[in-house]
C-alpha cells in the first residue's frame, strides 16, 4: 500500500500577489540543465495556492504542497510560512 500523504509534491517560493481572498500567487524558481545543450536554465513558474487564514503577504517565503483541485486554477495549499517579508 502506498502512503499518499508523503507522495505529494512540495515547492518553496515567494508570494508575489495576495490580492485575492484566501488565495496567494507563489513564484517558484526552478534551475535545470538543457537536455541537449547542457546549458543551465532558469524557469519561473507561478502557482495559485490556498491560504485559509489570509496570513501570507507579498514577499513572504512559503512552502506549498499539492492538494486536490480547489478551483479552476488552484491545486496547491500553503503548508507553512518560512520567512515573513521585512
Protein backbone atom coordinates (compact mmCIF):
# COMPACT_ATOMS: atom_id res chain seq x y z
CA UNK A 1 0.00 0.00 0.00
CA UNK A 2 1.34 3.45 -0.92
CA UNK A 3 1.29 6.26 1.64
CA UNK A 4 -0.38 9.03 -0.34
CA UNK A 5 0.41 11.86 2.08
CA UNK A 6 4.18 11.53 1.53
CA UNK A 7 3.91 11.36 -2.27
CA UNK A 8 2.57 14.91 -2.61
CA UNK A 9 4.86 17.44 -4.24
CA UNK A 10 6.15 20.44 -2.31
CA UNK A 11 7.67 23.66 -3.60
CA UNK A 12 9.31 26.68 -1.95
CA UNK A 13 8.67 30.11 -3.40
CA UNK A 14 7.95 33.79 -2.80
CA UNK A 15 4.47 35.30 -2.61
CA UNK A 16 4.06 37.82 -5.45
CA UNK A 17 0.35 38.62 -5.02
CA UNK A 18 -2.15 38.44 -2.14
CA UNK A 19 -5.00 40.48 -3.63
CA UNK A 20 -7.49 37.59 -3.74
CA UNK A 21 -9.41 36.32 -0.72
CA UNK A 22 -7.82 33.12 0.69
CA UNK A 23 -5.56 32.81 -2.38
CA UNK A 24 -1.94 33.82 -2.96
CA UNK A 25 0.21 33.64 -6.07
CA UNK A 26 3.57 32.00 -5.36
CA UNK A 27 6.53 32.34 -7.76
CA UNK A 28 8.78 29.27 -7.74
CA UNK A 29 12.24 29.47 -9.33
CA UNK A 30 13.49 26.26 -10.97
CA UNK A 31 17.01 25.65 -12.30
CA UNK A 32 17.65 22.83 -14.74
CA UNK A 33 20.09 21.70 -17.42
CA UNK A 34 19.00 21.72 -21.07
CA UNK A 35 18.78 18.06 -22.16
CA UNK A 36 20.62 18.52 -25.47
CA UNK A 37 22.94 21.51 -24.99
CA UNK A 38 23.65 21.22 -21.27
CA UNK A 39 23.22 24.92 -20.57
CA UNK A 40 21.82 25.78 -17.14
CA UNK A 41 18.47 27.50 -17.48
CA UNK A 42 16.17 29.21 -15.00
CA UNK A 43 12.40 28.97 -15.11
CA UNK A 44 9.88 30.96 -13.05
CA UNK A 45 6.50 29.29 -12.51
CA UNK A 46 3.58 30.94 -10.75
CA UNK A 47 1.21 28.77 -8.71
CA UNK A 48 -2.08 29.85 -7.14
CA UNK A 49 -2.18 28.47 -3.59
CA UNK A 50 -4.92 28.33 -0.95
CA UNK A 51 -4.20 30.43 2.15
CA UNK A 52 -7.08 29.66 4.50
CA UNK A 53 -6.16 32.16 7.23
CA UNK A 54 -5.03 35.00 4.91
CA UNK A 55 -1.70 35.16 6.78
CA UNK A 56 0.65 35.50 3.78
CA UNK A 57 1.80 38.83 2.44
CA UNK A 58 3.78 39.90 -0.61
CA UNK A 59 7.43 38.94 -0.25
CA UNK A 60 6.91 36.07 2.21
CA UNK A 61 8.89 32.87 1.65
CA UNK A 62 6.42 29.95 1.81
CA UNK A 63 6.29 26.19 1.31
CA UNK A 64 3.31 24.98 -0.75
CA UNK A 65 2.09 21.41 -1.13
CA UNK A 66 0.00 19.75 -3.79
CA UNK A 67 -3.66 19.04 -2.98
CA UNK A 68 -6.93 18.19 -4.67
CA UNK A 69 -8.34 20.75 -7.13
CA UNK A 70 -9.87 23.60 -5.12
CA UNK A 71 -10.95 25.70 -8.11
CA UNK A 72 -10.28 26.01 -11.84
CA UNK A 73 -6.62 27.01 -11.36
CA UNK A 74 -5.89 26.30 -7.67
CA UNK A 75 -4.22 22.94 -6.91
CA UNK A 76 -1.77 23.97 -4.17
CA UNK A 77 -2.09 24.80 -0.46
CA UNK A 78 0.22 26.92 1.73
CA UNK A 79 1.85 24.42 4.10
CA UNK A 80 3.92 26.89 6.13
CA UNK A 81 5.38 30.38 6.10
CA UNK A 82 9.16 30.00 6.24
CA UNK A 83 10.06 33.70 6.45
CA UNK A 84 7.95 36.85 6.70
CA UNK A 85 8.74 39.83 4.47
CA UNK A 86 10.51 42.75 6.11
